[in-house]
């Protein structure tokens, strides 16, 4: 018996952005490794790449995600 059932049909109202086909899909049509989502609306899914870019910039500039700069004896 499988622990997880493979869901082949999406629920109405679940929207995904397929990274392989570069299109919005209602329900999981493509494998999870190839998609972002679920999103609450089609419009949110349409902006998935823009949202990802914005979040990446936030994370890259978040000081909590960076180690303190290394200091050398010559810095004093």
C-alpha atoms as a PDB file:
ATOM      1  CA  UNK A   1       0.000   0.000   0.000  1.00  0.00           C
ATOM      2  CA  UNK A   2       1.372   3.376  -0.995  1.00  0.00           C
ATOM      3  CA  UNK A   3       1.784   6.072   1.626  1.00  0.00           C
ATOM      4  CA  UNK A   4       0.850   8.834  -0.756  1.00  0.00           C
ATOM      5  CA  UNK A   5      -1.589   8.612  -3.587  1.00  0.00           C
ATOM      6  CA  UNK A   6      -0.548  10.270  -6.809  1.00  0.00           C
ATOM      7  CA  UNK A   7      -3.135  12.898  -7.517  1.00  0.00           C
ATOM      8  CA  UNK A   8      -3.729  13.182 -11.221  1.00  0.00           C
ATOM      9  CA  UNK A   9      -6.726  15.512 -11.167  1.00  0.00           C
ATOM     10  CA  UNK A  10      -6.568  18.916  -9.597  1.00  0.00           C
ATOM     11  CA  UNK A  11      -9.145  20.522  -7.407  1.00  0.00           C
ATOM     12  CA  UNK A  12     -11.165  23.321  -8.961  1.00  0.00           C
ATOM     13  CA  UNK A  13      -9.642  26.621  -7.931  1.00  0.00           C
ATOM     14  CA  UNK A  14      -6.063  25.331  -7.536  1.00  0.00           C
ATOM     15  CA  UNK A  15      -3.790  27.134  -9.941  1.00  0.00           C
ATOM     16  CA  UNK A  16      -0.184  26.277 -10.786  1.00  0.00           C
ATOM     17  CA  UNK A  17       2.540  27.733 -12.977  1.00  0.00           C
ATOM     18  CA  UNK A  18       4.341  25.077 -15.034  1.00  0.00           C
ATOM     19  CA  UNK A  19       8.041  25.869 -15.332  1.00  0.00           C
ATOM     20  CA  UNK A  20       8.534  23.472 -18.235  1.00  0.00           C
ATOM     21  CA  UNK A  21       5.656  24.658 -20.434  1.00  0.00           C
ATOM     22  CA  UNK A  22       5.703  28.251 -19.098  1.00  0.00           C
ATOM     23  CA  UNK A  23       1.941  28.320 -18.690  1.00  0.00           C
ATOM     24  CA  UNK A  24      -0.737  28.492 -16.019  1.00  0.00           C
ATOM     25  CA  UNK A  25      -2.620  25.274 -15.294  1.00  0.00           C
ATOM     26  CA  UNK A  26      -5.710  24.606 -13.230  1.00  0.00           C
ATOM     27  CA  UNK A  27      -4.908  21.595 -11.106  1.00  0.00           C
ATOM     28  CA  UNK A  28      -1.600  19.726 -11.130  1.00  0.00           C
ATOM     29  CA  UNK A  29      -1.174  18.698 -14.759  1.00  0.00           C
ATOM     30  CA  UNK A  30       2.627  18.477 -14.632  1.00  0.00           C
ATOM     31  CA  UNK A  31       4.921  16.842 -12.044  1.00  0.00           C
ATOM     32  CA  UNK A  32       5.537  18.803  -8.830  1.00  0.00           C
ATOM     33  CA  UNK A  33       9.220  19.265  -9.722  1.00  0.00           C
ATOM     34  CA  UNK A  34       8.138  21.336 -12.738  1.00  0.00           C
ATOM     35  CA  UNK A  35       5.633  23.696 -11.148  1.00  0.00           C
ATOM     36  CA  UNK A  36       5.032  26.471  -8.628  1.00  0.00           C
ATOM     37  CA  UNK A  37       1.829  26.529  -6.626  1.00  0.00           C
ATOM     38  CA  UNK A  38      -0.878  26.065  -5.710  1.00  0.00           C
ATOM     39  CA  UNK A  39      -2.116  29.621  -6.003  1.00  0.00           C
ATOM     40  CA  UNK A  40      -5.572  30.857  -5.013  1.00  0.00           C
ATOM     41  CA  UNK A  41      -6.254  32.502  -8.373  1.00  0.00           C
ATOM     42  CA  UNK A  42      -5.227  32.368 -11.993  1.00  0.00           C
ATOM     43  CA  UNK A  43      -3.805  35.895 -11.705  1.00  0.00           C
ATOM     44  CA  UNK A  44      -1.480  34.874  -8.853  1.00  0.00           C
ATOM     45  CA  UNK A  45      -0.230  31.922 -10.903  1.00  0.00           C
ATOM     46  CA  UNK A  46       0.342  34.183 -13.928  1.00  0.00           C
ATOM     47  CA  UNK A  47       2.720  36.284 -11.802  1.00  0.00           C
ATOM     48  CA  UNK A  48       4.552  33.297 -10.286  1.00  0.00           C
ATOM     49  CA  UNK A  49       7.921  34.101 -11.871  1.00  0.00           C
ATOM     50  CA  UNK A  50       7.729  37.757 -10.845  1.00  0.00           C
ATOM     51  CA  UNK A  51       6.852  36.727  -7.281  1.00  0.00           C
ATOM     52  CA  UNK A  52       9.776  34.290  -7.222  1.00  0.00           C
ATOM     53  CA  UNK A  53      12.188  37.003  -8.449  1.00  0.00           C
ATOM     54  CA  UNK A  54      10.985  39.419  -5.764  1.00  0.00           C
ATOM     55  CA  UNK A  55      11.319  36.797  -3.016  1.00  0.00           C
ATOM     56  CA  UNK A  56      14.796  35.821  -4.188  1.00  0.00           C
ATOM     57  CA  UNK A  57      15.914  39.456  -3.980  1.00  0.00           C
ATOM     58  CA  UNK A  58      14.457  39.762  -0.480  1.00  0.00           C
ATOM     59  CA  UNK A  59      16.259  36.610   0.667  1.00  0.00           C
ATOM     60  CA  UNK A  60      19.562  37.631  -0.943  1.00  0.00           C
ATOM     61  CA  UNK A  61      19.437  40.936   0.930  1.00  0.00           C
ATOM     62  CA  UNK A  62      18.241  39.511   4.251  1.00  0.00           C
ATOM     63  CA  UNK A  63      21.102  39.801   6.786  1.00  0.00           C
ATOM     64  CA  UNK A  64      19.770  36.791   8.726  1.00  0.00           C
ATOM     65  CA  UNK A  65      20.729  34.547   5.785  1.00  0.00           C
ATOM     66  CA  UNK A  66      24.330  35.723   5.517  1.00  0.00           C
ATOM     67  CA  UNK A  67      27.264  34.913   7.736  1.00  0.00           C
ATOM     68  CA  UNK A  68      29.085  37.771   9.371  1.00  0.00           C
ATOM     69  CA  UNK A  69      31.932  39.018   7.203  1.00  0.00           C
ATOM     70  CA  UNK A  70      35.225  37.334   7.948  1.00  0.00           C
ATOM     71  CA  UNK A  71      37.719  39.554   9.675  1.00  0.00           C
ATOM     72  CA  UNK A  72      41.457  39.328   9.306  1.00  0.00           C
ATOM     73  CA  UNK A  73      44.166  40.450  11.734  1.00  0.00           C
ATOM     74  CA  UNK A  74      44.914  43.389   9.422  1.00  0.00           C
ATOM     75  CA  UNK A  75      41.379  44.814   9.833  1.00  0.00           C
ATOM     76  CA  UNK A  76      42.145  46.418  13.225  1.00  0.00           C
END
